[in-house]
């Protein structure tokens, strides 16, 4: 992903916004390139990925893609949020890496 604008708030009650562009793959092949994208991470446990409808032939019909954040690391691999393997309403923490998950989603390129 190429970042155009980023606001990171990794407090337990904050929301992080990452604006940029991504290449989206389907069945292992790039389907759309340079898709305007907003990734929101809410309260360090919910990730919402919104892809521009006009860049994806309205494939997602304006609906975002939701996921759960297990872990969040900086570029050096340091953990940015507390994890304890505990589960509470709306929050599950147990290993994984949101960055790797996003790279996997976007065909392993991280773009």
PDB file of N, CA and C in Angstrom:
ATOM      1  N   UNK A   1       0.839  -1.171   0.000  1.00  0.00           N
ATOM      2  CA  UNK A   1       0.000   0.000   0.000  1.00  0.00           C
ATOM      3  C   UNK A   1       0.882   1.232   0.000  1.00  0.00           C
ATOM      4  N   UNK A   2       0.526   2.188  -0.791  1.00  0.00           N
ATOM      5  CA  UNK A   2       1.230   3.452  -0.815  1.00  0.00           C
ATOM      6  C   UNK A   2       0.415   4.426   0.015  1.00  0.00           C
ATOM      7  N   UNK A   3       1.029   4.993   1.050  1.00  0.00           N
ATOM      8  CA  UNK A   3       0.304   5.865   1.963  1.00  0.00           C
ATOM      9  C   UNK A   3       0.347   7.301   1.483  1.00  0.00           C
ATOM     10  N   UNK A   4      -0.809   7.935   1.421  1.00  0.00           N
ATOM     11  CA  UNK A   4      -0.895   9.340   1.054  1.00  0.00           C
ATOM     12  C   UNK A   4      -1.071  10.212   2.280  1.00  0.00           C
ATOM     13  N   UNK A   5      -1.730   9.691   3.312  1.00  0.00           N
ATOM     14  CA  UNK A   5      -2.007  10.435   4.529  1.00  0.00           C
ATOM     15  C   UNK A   5      -2.313   9.434   5.628  1.00  0.00           C
ATOM     16  N   UNK A   6      -1.724   9.645   6.793  1.00  0.00           N
ATOM     17  CA  UNK A   6      -1.909   8.696   7.872  1.00  0.00           C
ATOM     18  C   UNK A   6      -2.065   9.428   9.189  1.00  0.00           C
ATOM     19  N   UNK A   7      -3.030   9.002  10.005  1.00  0.00           N
ATOM     20  CA  UNK A   7      -3.183   9.467  11.373  1.00  0.00           C
ATOM     21  C   UNK A   7      -3.259   8.229  12.237  1.00  0.00           C
ATOM     22  N   UNK A   8      -2.279   8.050  13.131  1.00  0.00           N
ATOM     23  CA  UNK A   8      -2.239   6.866  13.983  1.00  0.00           C
ATOM     24  C   UNK A   8      -2.541   7.272  15.416  1.00  0.00           C
ATOM     25  N   UNK A   9      -3.532   6.627  16.011  1.00  0.00           N
ATOM     26  CA  UNK A   9      -3.871   6.796  17.428  1.00  0.00           C
ATOM     27  C   UNK A   9      -3.984   5.398  17.998  1.00  0.00           C
ATOM     28  N   UNK A  10      -2.912   4.920  18.629  1.00  0.00           N
ATOM     29  CA  UNK A  10      -2.949   3.551  19.121  1.00  0.00           C
ATOM     30  C   UNK A  10      -3.367   3.462  20.586  1.00  0.00           C
ATOM     31  N   UNK A  11      -4.082   4.490  21.067  1.00  0.00           N
ATOM     32  CA  UNK A  11      -4.655   4.396  22.408  1.00  0.00           C
ATOM     33  C   UNK A  11      -5.834   3.424  22.357  1.00  0.00           C
ATOM     34  N   UNK A  12      -6.193   2.879  23.495  1.00  0.00           N
ATOM     35  CA  UNK A  12      -7.258   1.868  23.552  1.00  0.00           C
ATOM     36  C   UNK A  12      -8.597   2.399  23.070  1.00  0.00           C
ATOM     37  N   UNK A  13      -8.791   3.722  23.082  1.00  0.00           N
ATOM     38  CA  UNK A  13     -10.079   4.278  22.659  1.00  0.00           C
ATOM     39  C   UNK A  13      -9.987   5.025  21.337  1.00  0.00           C
ATOM     40  N   UNK A  14      -8.810   5.053  20.720  1.00  0.00           N
ATOM     41  CA  UNK A  14      -8.603   5.853  19.526  1.00  0.00           C
ATOM     42  C   UNK A  14      -8.894   5.135  18.225  1.00  0.00           C
ATOM     43  N   UNK A  15      -8.866   5.917  17.143  1.00  0.00           N
ATOM     44  CA  UNK A  15      -9.057   5.385  15.800  1.00  0.00           C
ATOM     45  C   UNK A  15      -7.908   5.857  14.925  1.00  0.00           C
ATOM     46  N   UNK A  16      -7.311   4.942  14.177  1.00  0.00           N
ATOM     47  CA  UNK A  16      -6.244   5.265  13.235  1.00  0.00           C
ATOM     48  C   UNK A  16      -6.819   5.273  11.825  1.00  0.00           C
ATOM     49  N   UNK A  17      -6.355   6.231  11.009  1.00  0.00           N
ATOM     50  CA  UNK A  17      -6.804   6.355   9.624  1.00  0.00           C
ATOM     51  C   UNK A  17      -5.590   6.273   8.711  1.00  0.00           C
ATOM     52  N   UNK A  18      -5.644   5.396   7.741  1.00  0.00           N
ATOM     53  CA  UNK A  18      -4.569   5.270   6.761  1.00  0.00           C
ATOM     54  C   UNK A  18      -5.205   5.416   5.380  1.00  0.00           C
ATOM     55  N   UNK A  19      -4.840   6.500   4.680  1.00  0.00           N
ATOM     56  CA  UNK A  19      -5.329   6.741   3.327  1.00  0.00           C
ATOM     57  C   UNK A  19      -4.214   6.398   2.358  1.00  0.00           C
ATOM     58  N   UNK A  20      -4.549   5.770   1.253  1.00  0.00           N
ATOM     59  CA  UNK A  20      -3.536   5.448   0.263  1.00  0.00           C
ATOM     60  C   UNK A  20      -4.134   4.754  -0.931  1.00  0.00           C
ATOM     61  N   UNK A  21      -3.287   4.072  -1.671  1.00  0.00           N
ATOM     62  CA  UNK A  21      -3.738   3.298  -2.825  1.00  0.00           C
ATOM     63  C   UNK A  21      -3.206   1.880  -2.701  1.00  0.00           C
ATOM     64  N   UNK A  22      -3.963   0.931  -3.234  1.00  0.00           N
ATOM     65  CA  UNK A  22      -3.576  -0.481  -3.189  1.00  0.00           C
ATOM     66  C   UNK A  22      -3.856  -1.128  -4.537  1.00  0.00           C
ATOM     67  N   UNK A  23      -3.186  -2.246  -4.776  1.00  0.00           N
ATOM     68  CA  UNK A  23      -3.518  -3.122  -5.895  1.00  0.00           C
ATOM     69  C   UNK A  23      -4.313  -4.276  -5.308  1.00  0.00           C
ATOM     70  N   UNK A  24      -5.445  -4.614  -5.906  1.00  0.00           N
ATOM     71  CA  UNK A  24      -6.321  -5.667  -5.392  1.00  0.00           C
ATOM     72  C   UNK A  24      -6.266  -6.860  -6.338  1.00  0.00           C
ATOM     73  N   UNK A  25      -6.007  -8.039  -5.766  1.00  0.00           N
ATOM     74  CA  UNK A  25      -5.905  -9.263  -6.555  1.00  0.00           C
ATOM     75  C   UNK A  25      -7.107 -10.162  -6.308  1.00  0.00           C
ATOM     76  N   UNK A  26      -7.467 -10.925  -7.318  1.00  0.00           N
ATOM     77  CA  UNK A  26      -8.501 -11.961  -7.206  1.00  0.00           C
ATOM     78  C   UNK A  26      -7.945 -13.201  -7.883  1.00  0.00           C
ATOM     79  N   UNK A  27      -8.059 -14.330  -7.231  1.00  0.00           N
ATOM     80  CA  UNK A  27      -7.529 -15.587  -7.767  1.00  0.00           C
ATOM     81  C   UNK A  27      -6.052 -15.480  -8.136  1.00  0.00           C
ATOM     82  N   UNK A  28      -5.288 -14.744  -7.314  1.00  0.00           N
ATOM     83  CA  UNK A  28      -3.849 -14.645  -7.515  1.00  0.00           C
ATOM     84  C   UNK A  28      -3.391 -13.684  -8.590  1.00  0.00           C
ATOM     85  N   UNK A  29      -4.311 -12.970  -9.226  1.00  0.00           N
ATOM     86  CA  UNK A  29      -3.936 -12.030 -10.274  1.00  0.00           C
ATOM     87  C   UNK A  29      -4.503 -10.655  -9.965  1.00  0.00           C
ATOM     88  N   UNK A  30      -3.700  -9.609 -10.277  1.00  0.00           N
ATOM     89  CA  UNK A  30      -4.188  -8.251 -10.052  1.00  0.00           C
ATOM     90  C   UNK A  30      -5.447  -8.000 -10.862  1.00  0.00           C
ATOM     91  N   UNK A  31      -6.479  -7.575 -10.159  1.00  0.00           N
ATOM     92  CA  UNK A  31      -7.753  -7.264 -10.809  1.00  0.00           C
ATOM     93  C   UNK A  31      -7.880  -5.753 -10.996  1.00  0.00           C
ATOM     94  N   UNK A  32      -7.482  -4.988  -9.962  1.00  0.00           N
ATOM     95  CA  UNK A  32      -7.537  -3.530 -10.007  1.00  0.00           C
ATOM     96  C   UNK A  32      -6.239  -2.983  -9.433  1.00  0.00           C
ATOM     97  N   UNK A  33      -5.705  -1.931 -10.049  1.00  0.00           N
ATOM     98  CA  UNK A  33      -4.479  -1.307  -9.554  1.00  0.00           C
ATOM     99  C   UNK A  33      -4.755   0.132  -9.141  1.00  0.00           C
ATOM    100  N   UNK A  34      -3.937   0.603  -8.213  1.00  0.00           N
ATOM    101  CA  UNK A  34      -4.018   1.983  -7.722  1.00  0.00           C
ATOM    102  C   UNK A  34      -5.423   2.340  -7.248  1.00  0.00           C
ATOM    103  N   UNK A  35      -6.021   1.459  -6.444  1.00  0.00           N
ATOM    104  CA  UNK A  35      -7.365   1.678  -5.902  1.00  0.00           C
ATOM    105  C   UNK A  35      -7.258   2.595  -4.687  1.00  0.00           C
ATOM    106  N   UNK A  36      -7.970   3.721  -4.713  1.00  0.00           N
ATOM    107  CA  UNK A  36      -8.012   4.595  -3.540  1.00  0.00           C
ATOM    108  C   UNK A  36      -8.615   3.821  -2.377  1.00  0.00           C
ATOM    109  N   UNK A  37      -7.948   3.885  -1.218  1.00  0.00           N
ATOM    110  CA  UNK A  37      -8.310   3.032  -0.088  1.00  0.00           C
ATOM    111  C   UNK A  37      -8.223   3.802   1.216  1.00  0.00           C
ATOM    112  N   UNK A  38      -9.136   3.497   2.121  1.00  0.00           N
ATOM    113  CA  UNK A  38      -9.090   3.983   3.499  1.00  0.00           C
ATOM    114  C   UNK A  38      -9.089   2.761   4.403  1.00  0.00           C
ATOM    115  N   UNK A  39      -8.082   2.677   5.275  1.00  0.00           N
ATOM    116  CA  UNK A  39      -8.038   1.629   6.294  1.00  0.00           C
ATOM    117  C   UNK A  39      -8.212   2.315   7.634  1.00  0.00           C
ATOM    118  N   UNK A  40      -9.221   1.904   8.384  1.00  0.00           N
ATOM    119  CA  UNK A  40      -9.453   2.428   9.729  1.00  0.00           C
ATOM    120  C   UNK A  40      -9.231   1.309  10.729  1.00  0.00           C
ATOM    121  N   UNK A  41      -8.537   1.633  11.815  1.00  0.00           N
ATOM    122  CA  UNK A  41      -8.356   0.686  12.907  1.00  0.00           C
ATOM    123  C   UNK A  41      -8.972   1.335  14.137  1.00  0.00           C
ATOM    124  N   UNK A  42     -10.064   0.755  14.628  1.00  0.00           N
ATOM    125  CA  UNK A  42     -10.800   1.327  15.751  1.00  0.00           C
ATOM    126  C   UNK A  42     -10.492   0.581  17.038  1.00  0.00           C
ATOM    127  N   UNK A  43     -10.136   1.342  18.066  1.00  0.00           N
ATOM    128  CA  UNK A  43      -9.896   0.815  19.413  1.00  0.00           C
ATOM    129  C   UNK A  43      -8.929  -0.363  19.416  1.00  0.00           C
ATOM    130  N   UNK A  44      -8.003  -0.359  18.480  1.00  0.00           N
ATOM    131  CA  UNK A  44      -6.975  -1.397  18.366  1.00  0.00           C
ATOM    132  C   UNK A  44      -7.518  -2.807  18.187  1.00  0.00           C
ATOM    133  N   UNK A  45      -8.799  -2.950  17.809  1.00  0.00           N
ATOM    134  CA  UNK A  45      -9.292  -4.318  17.641  1.00  0.00           C
ATOM    135  C   UNK A  45     -10.167  -4.537  16.418  1.00  0.00           C
ATOM    136  N   UNK A  46     -10.557  -3.495  15.707  1.00  0.00           N
ATOM    137  CA  UNK A  46     -11.392  -3.652  14.519  1.00  0.00           C
ATOM    138  C   UNK A  46     -10.726  -2.940  13.352  1.00  0.00           C
ATOM    139  N   UNK A  47     -10.551  -3.643  12.238  1.00  0.00           N
ATOM    140  CA  UNK A  47     -10.012  -3.022  11.034  1.00  0.00           C
ATOM    141  C   UNK A  47     -11.126  -2.971   9.992  1.00  0.00           C
ATOM    142  N   UNK A  48     -11.248  -1.818   9.352  1.00  0.00           N
ATOM    143  CA  UNK A  48     -12.257  -1.603   8.309  1.00  0.00           C
ATOM    144  C   UNK A  48     -11.514  -1.117   7.065  1.00  0.00           C
ATOM    145  N   UNK A  49     -11.643  -1.845   5.976  1.00  0.00           N
ATOM    146  CA  UNK A  49     -10.973  -1.496   4.727  1.00  0.00           C
ATOM    147  C   UNK A  49     -12.039  -1.078   3.723  1.00  0.00           C
ATOM    148  N   UNK A  50     -11.957   0.178   3.267  1.00  0.00           N
ATOM    149  CA  UNK A  50     -12.904   0.696   2.278  1.00  0.00           C
ATOM    150  C   UNK A  50     -12.168   0.955   0.976  1.00  0.00           C
ATOM    151  N   UNK A  51     -12.635   0.326  -0.090  1.00  0.00           N
ATOM    152  CA  UNK A  51     -12.038   0.473  -1.417  1.00  0.00           C
ATOM    153  C   UNK A  51     -12.962   1.322  -2.280  1.00  0.00           C
ATOM    154  N   UNK A  52     -12.398   2.253  -3.040  1.00  0.00           N
ATOM    155  CA  UNK A  52     -13.189   3.152  -3.882  1.00  0.00           C
ATOM    156  C   UNK A  52     -13.979   2.371  -4.923  1.00  0.00           C
ATOM    157  N   UNK A  53     -15.291   2.579  -4.924  1.00  0.00           N
ATOM    158  CA  UNK A  53     -16.176   1.879  -5.867  1.00  0.00           C
ATOM    159  C   UNK A  53     -15.805   2.156  -7.314  1.00  0.00           C
ATOM    160  N   UNK A  54     -15.454   3.411  -7.609  1.00  0.00           N
ATOM    161  CA  UNK A  54     -15.142   3.763  -8.994  1.00  0.00           C
ATOM    162  C   UNK A  54     -13.851   3.109  -9.483  1.00  0.00           C
ATOM    163  N   UNK A  55     -13.003   2.674  -8.544  1.00  0.00           N
ATOM    164  CA  UNK A  55     -11.750   2.020  -8.926  1.00  0.00           C
ATOM    165  C   UNK A  55     -11.873   0.496  -8.995  1.00  0.00           C
ATOM    166  N   UNK A  56     -12.999  -0.052  -8.523  1.00  0.00           N
ATOM    167  CA  UNK A  56     -13.185  -1.516  -8.482  1.00  0.00           C
ATOM    168  C   UNK A  56     -14.440  -1.955  -9.235  1.00  0.00           C
ATOM    169  N   UNK A  57     -14.883  -1.132 -10.170  1.00  0.00           N
ATOM    170  CA  UNK A  57     -16.088  -1.437 -10.951  1.00  0.00           C
ATOM    171  C   UNK A  57     -17.275  -1.745 -10.036  1.00  0.00           C
ATOM    172  N   UNK A  58     -17.321  -1.067  -8.887  1.00  0.00           N
ATOM    173  CA  UNK A  58     -18.380  -1.218  -7.875  1.00  0.00           C
ATOM    174  C   UNK A  58     -18.530  -2.669  -7.408  1.00  0.00           C
ATOM    175  N   UNK A  59     -17.436  -3.422  -7.446  1.00  0.00           N
ATOM    176  CA  UNK A  59     -17.451  -4.835  -7.067  1.00  0.00           C
ATOM    177  C   UNK A  59     -17.939  -5.052  -5.635  1.00  0.00           C
ATOM    178  N   UNK A  60     -17.537  -4.165  -4.723  1.00  0.00           N
ATOM    179  CA  UNK A  60     -17.905  -4.321  -3.312  1.00  0.00           C
ATOM    180  C   UNK A  60     -19.195  -3.581  -2.966  1.00  0.00           C
ATOM    181  N   UNK A  61     -19.790  -2.921  -3.950  1.00  0.00           N
ATOM    182  CA  UNK A  61     -21.056  -2.192  -3.803  1.00  0.00           C
ATOM    183  C   UNK A  61     -21.038  -1.239  -2.608  1.00  0.00           C
ATOM    184  N   UNK A  62     -19.900  -0.588  -2.386  1.00  0.00           N
ATOM    185  CA  UNK A  62     -19.777   0.390  -1.314  1.00  0.00           C
ATOM    186  C   UNK A  62     -19.598  -0.202   0.072  1.00  0.00           C
ATOM    187  N   UNK A  63     -19.637  -1.519   0.186  1.00  0.00           N
ATOM    188  CA  UNK A  63     -19.507  -2.170   1.498  1.00  0.00           C
ATOM    189  C   UNK A  63     -18.029  -2.323   1.864  1.00  0.00           C
ATOM    190  N   UNK A  64     -17.663  -1.982   3.102  1.00  0.00           N
ATOM    191  CA  UNK A  64     -16.277  -2.172   3.525  1.00  0.00           C
ATOM    192  C   UNK A  64     -15.989  -3.633   3.858  1.00  0.00           C
ATOM    193  N   UNK A  65     -14.726  -3.930   4.032  1.00  0.00           N
ATOM    194  CA  UNK A  65     -14.268  -5.257   4.457  1.00  0.00           C
ATOM    195  C   UNK A  65     -13.875  -5.126   5.921  1.00  0.00           C
ATOM    196  N   UNK A  66     -14.404  -5.995   6.771  1.00  0.00           N
ATOM    197  CA  UNK A  66     -14.148  -5.931   8.213  1.00  0.00           C
ATOM    198  C   UNK A  66     -13.217  -7.051   8.648  1.00  0.00           C
ATOM    199  N   UNK A  67     -12.440  -6.775   9.693  1.00  0.00           N
ATOM    200  CA  UNK A  67     -11.578  -7.797  10.269  1.00  0.00           C
ATOM    201  C   UNK A  67     -11.259  -7.475  11.720  1.00  0.00           C
ATOM    202  N   UNK A  68     -10.630  -8.414  12.390  1.00  0.00           N
ATOM    203  CA  UNK A  68     -10.229  -8.266  13.785  1.00  0.00           C
ATOM    204  C   UNK A  68      -8.711  -8.112  13.848  1.00  0.00           C
ATOM    205  N   UNK A  69      -8.240  -7.159  14.634  1.00  0.00           N
ATOM    206  CA  UNK A  69      -6.812  -6.935  14.825  1.00  0.00           C
ATOM    207  C   UNK A  69      -6.336  -7.804  15.982  1.00  0.00           C
ATOM    208  N   UNK A  70      -5.402  -8.708  15.699  1.00  0.00           N
ATOM    209  CA  UNK A  70      -4.795  -9.532  16.742  1.00  0.00           C
ATOM    210  C   UNK A  70      -3.524  -8.887  17.270  1.00  0.00           C
ATOM    211  N   UNK A  71      -2.803  -8.192  16.390  1.00  0.00           N
ATOM    212  CA  UNK A  71      -1.512  -7.625  16.737  1.00  0.00           C
ATOM    213  C   UNK A  71      -1.228  -6.479  15.780  1.00  0.00           C
ATOM    214  N   UNK A  72      -0.443  -5.505  16.238  1.00  0.00           N
ATOM    215  CA  UNK A  72      -0.059  -4.400  15.372  1.00  0.00           C
ATOM    216  C   UNK A  72       1.403  -4.072  15.674  1.00  0.00           C
ATOM    217  N   UNK A  73       2.255  -4.150  14.651  1.00  0.00           N
ATOM    218  CA  UNK A  73       3.677  -3.896  14.845  1.00  0.00           C
ATOM    219  C   UNK A  73       4.141  -2.721  14.001  1.00  0.00           C
ATOM    220  N   UNK A  74       5.213  -2.070  14.461  1.00  0.00           N
ATOM    221  CA  UNK A  74       5.797  -0.993  13.674  1.00  0.00           C
ATOM    222  C   UNK A  74       6.739  -1.586  12.620  1.00  0.00           C
ATOM    223  N   UNK A  75       7.391  -0.722  11.849  1.00  0.00           N
ATOM    224  CA  UNK A  75       8.230  -1.213  10.751  1.00  0.00           C
ATOM    225  C   UNK A  75       9.419  -2.037  11.231  1.00  0.00           C
ATOM    226  N   UNK A  76       9.781  -1.915  12.515  1.00  0.00           N
ATOM    227  CA  UNK A  76      10.887  -2.691  13.078  1.00  0.00           C
ATOM    228  C   UNK A  76      10.421  -3.974  13.753  1.00  0.00           C
ATOM    229  N   UNK A  77       9.120  -4.248  13.699  1.00  0.00           N
ATOM    230  CA  UNK A  77       8.586  -5.462  14.297  1.00  0.00           C
ATOM    231  C   UNK A  77       8.224  -5.343  15.763  1.00  0.00           C
ATOM    232  N   UNK A  78       8.301  -4.126  16.322  1.00  0.00           N
ATOM    233  CA  UNK A  78       7.945  -3.915  17.722  1.00  0.00           C
ATOM    234  C   UNK A  78       6.434  -3.824  17.882  1.00  0.00           C
ATOM    235  N   UNK A  79       5.911  -4.497  18.881  1.00  0.00           N
ATOM    236  CA  UNK A  79       4.470  -4.489  19.151  1.00  0.00           C
ATOM    237  C   UNK A  79       4.031  -3.078  19.546  1.00  0.00           C
ATOM    238  N   UNK A  80       2.939  -2.594  18.935  1.00  0.00           N
ATOM    239  CA  UNK A  80       2.441  -1.248  19.205  1.00  0.00           C
ATOM    240  C   UNK A  80       1.265  -1.238  20.175  1.00  0.00           C
ATOM    241  N   UNK A  81       0.619  -2.374  20.370  1.00  0.00           N
ATOM    242  CA  UNK A  81      -0.518  -2.438  21.282  1.00  0.00           C
ATOM    243  C   UNK A  81      -0.319  -3.589  22.250  1.00  0.00           C
ATOM    244  N   UNK A  82      -0.976  -3.483  23.396  1.00  0.00           N
ATOM    245  CA  UNK A  82      -0.904  -4.554  24.387  1.00  0.00           C
ATOM    246  C   UNK A  82      -1.732  -5.732  23.941  1.00  0.00           C
ATOM    247  N   UNK A  83      -1.152  -6.901  24.062  1.00  0.00           N
ATOM    248  CA  UNK A  83      -1.904  -8.120  23.815  1.00  0.00           C
ATOM    249  C   UNK A  83      -1.708  -9.023  25.008  1.00  0.00           C
ATOM    250  N   UNK A  84      -2.730  -9.766  25.333  1.00  0.00           N
ATOM    251  CA  UNK A  84      -2.616 -10.655  26.470  1.00  0.00           C
ATOM    252  C   UNK A  84      -3.319 -11.963  26.245  1.00  0.00           C
ATOM    253  N   UNK A  85      -3.769 -12.190  25.031  1.00  0.00           N
ATOM    254  CA  UNK A  85      -4.482 -13.421  24.741  1.00  0.00           C
ATOM    255  C   UNK A  85      -5.821 -13.500  25.437  1.00  0.00           C
ATOM    256  N   UNK A  86      -6.376 -12.351  25.797  1.00  0.00           N
ATOM    257  CA  UNK A  86      -7.657 -12.331  26.496  1.00  0.00           C
ATOM    258  C   UNK A  86      -8.774 -12.018  25.529  1.00  0.00           C
ATOM    259  N   UNK A  87      -9.967 -12.372  25.905  1.00  0.00           N
ATOM    260  CA  UNK A  87     -11.120 -12.094  25.065  1.00  0.00           C
ATOM    261  C   UNK A  87     -12.149 -11.335  25.876  1.00  0.00           C
ATOM    262  N   UNK A  88     -12.589 -10.209  25.332  1.00  0.00           N
ATOM    263  CA  UNK A  88     -13.668  -9.434  25.925  1.00  0.00           C
ATOM    264  C   UNK A  88     -14.659  -9.138  24.820  1.00  0.00           C
ATOM    265  N   UNK A  89     -15.796  -8.596  25.180  1.00  0.00           N
ATOM    266  CA  UNK A  89     -16.811  -8.289  24.167  1.00  0.00           C
ATOM    267  C   UNK A  89     -16.211  -7.389  23.094  1.00  0.00           C
ATOM    268  N   UNK A  90     -16.223  -7.853  21.858  1.00  0.00           N
ATOM    269  CA  UNK A  90     -15.737  -7.053  20.738  1.00  0.00           C
ATOM    270  C   UNK A  90     -14.227  -6.991  20.624  1.00  0.00           C
ATOM    271  N   UNK A  91     -13.497  -7.763  21.441  1.00  0.00           N
ATOM    272  CA  UNK A  91     -12.039  -7.697  21.384  1.00  0.00           C
ATOM    273  C   UNK A  91     -11.442  -9.080  21.579  1.00  0.00           C
ATOM    274  N   UNK A  92     -10.634  -9.504  20.633  1.00  0.00           N
ATOM    275  CA  UNK A  92      -9.914 -10.765  20.761  1.00  0.00           C
ATOM    276  C   UNK A  92      -8.458 -10.452  20.484  1.00  0.00           C
ATOM    277  N   UNK A  93      -7.567 -10.844  21.393  1.00  0.00           N
ATOM    278  CA  UNK A  93      -6.145 -10.622  21.166  1.00  0.00           C
ATOM    279  C   UNK A  93      -5.405 -11.922  21.372  1.00  0.00           C
ATOM    280  N   UNK A  94      -4.733 -12.380  20.317  1.00  0.00           N
ATOM    281  CA  UNK A  94      -3.948 -13.609  20.437  1.00  0.00           C
ATOM    282  C   UNK A  94      -3.066 -13.810  19.220  1.00  0.00           C
ATOM    283  N   UNK A  95      -1.930 -13.150  19.188  1.00  0.00           N
ATOM    284  CA  UNK A  95      -0.970 -13.353  18.108  1.00  0.00           C
ATOM    285  C   UNK A  95      -1.404 -12.776  16.784  1.00  0.00           C
ATOM    286  N   UNK A  96      -0.677 -13.104  15.721  1.00  0.00           N
ATOM    287  CA  UNK A  96      -0.990 -12.594  14.390  1.00  0.00           C
ATOM    288  C   UNK A  96      -0.381 -11.230  14.164  1.00  0.00           C
ATOM    289  N   UNK A  97      -0.636 -10.652  13.025  1.00  0.00           N
ATOM    290  CA  UNK A  97      -0.068  -9.366  12.683  1.00  0.00           C
ATOM    291  C   UNK A  97      -0.959  -8.711  11.648  1.00  0.00           C
ATOM    292  N   UNK A  98      -1.525  -7.553  11.990  1.00  0.00           N
ATOM    293  CA  UNK A  98      -2.448  -6.889  11.069  1.00  0.00           C
ATOM    294  C   UNK A  98      -1.739  -6.508   9.769  1.00  0.00           C
ATOM    295  N   UNK A  99      -0.478  -6.097   9.862  1.00  0.00           N
ATOM    296  CA  UNK A  99       0.242  -5.724   8.648  1.00  0.00           C
ATOM    297  C   UNK A  99       0.379  -6.918   7.722  1.00  0.00           C
ATOM    298  N   UNK A 100       0.763  -8.068   8.269  1.00  0.00           N
ATOM    299  CA  UNK A 100       0.898  -9.261   7.437  1.00  0.00           C
ATOM    300  C   UNK A 100      -0.450  -9.647   6.842  1.00  0.00           C
ATOM    301  N   UNK A 101      -1.513  -9.550   7.642  1.00  0.00           N
ATOM    302  CA  UNK A 101      -2.844  -9.870   7.141  1.00  0.00           C
ATOM    303  C   UNK A 101      -3.244  -8.985   5.979  1.00  0.00           C
ATOM    304  N   UNK A 102      -2.931  -7.701   6.080  1.00  0.00           N
ATOM    305  CA  UNK A 102      -3.257  -6.776   4.998  1.00  0.00           C
ATOM    306  C   UNK A 102      -2.402  -7.098   3.777  1.00  0.00           C
ATOM    307  N   UNK A 103      -1.118  -7.418   3.976  1.00  0.00           N
ATOM    308  CA  UNK A 103      -0.270  -7.802   2.843  1.00  0.00           C
ATOM    309  C   UNK A 103      -0.826  -9.048   2.167  1.00  0.00           C
ATOM    310  N   UNK A 104      -1.251 -10.029   2.962  1.00  0.00           N
ATOM    311  CA  UNK A 104      -1.824 -11.244   2.391  1.00  0.00           C
ATOM    312  C   UNK A 104      -3.076 -10.916   1.588  1.00  0.00           C
ATOM    313  N   UNK A 105      -3.921 -10.032   2.123  1.00  0.00           N
ATOM    314  CA  UNK A 105      -5.159  -9.660   1.446  1.00  0.00           C
ATOM    315  C   UNK A 105      -4.865  -9.034   0.090  1.00  0.00           C
ATOM    316  N   UNK A 106      -3.828  -8.204   0.036  1.00  0.00           N
ATOM    317  CA  UNK A 106      -3.489  -7.525  -1.202  1.00  0.00           C
ATOM    318  C   UNK A 106      -2.400  -8.273  -1.962  1.00  0.00           C
ATOM    319  N   UNK A 107      -2.575  -9.598  -2.088  1.00  0.00           N
ATOM    320  CA  UNK A 107      -1.724 -10.438  -2.930  1.00  0.00           C
ATOM    321  C   UNK A 107      -0.277 -10.495  -2.460  1.00  0.00           C
ATOM    322  N   UNK A 108      -0.052 -10.332  -1.154  1.00  0.00           N
ATOM    323  CA  UNK A 108       1.280 -10.476  -0.608  1.00  0.00           C
ATOM    324  C   UNK A 108       2.243  -9.357  -0.942  1.00  0.00           C
ATOM    325  N   UNK A 109       1.787  -8.309  -1.595  1.00  0.00           N
ATOM    326  CA  UNK A 109       2.697  -7.247  -2.002  1.00  0.00           C
ATOM    327  C   UNK A 109       2.807  -6.149  -0.976  1.00  0.00           C
ATOM    328  N   UNK A 110       1.826  -6.011  -0.098  1.00  0.00           N
ATOM    329  CA  UNK A 110       1.834  -4.907   0.845  1.00  0.00           C
ATOM    330  C   UNK A 110       1.532  -3.581   0.179  1.00  0.00           C
ATOM    331  N   UNK A 111       1.080  -3.622  -1.061  1.00  0.00           N
ATOM    332  CA  UNK A 111       0.766  -2.387  -1.797  1.00  0.00           C
ATOM    333  C   UNK A 111      -0.727  -2.263  -1.939  1.00  0.00           C
TER     334      UNK A 111
END
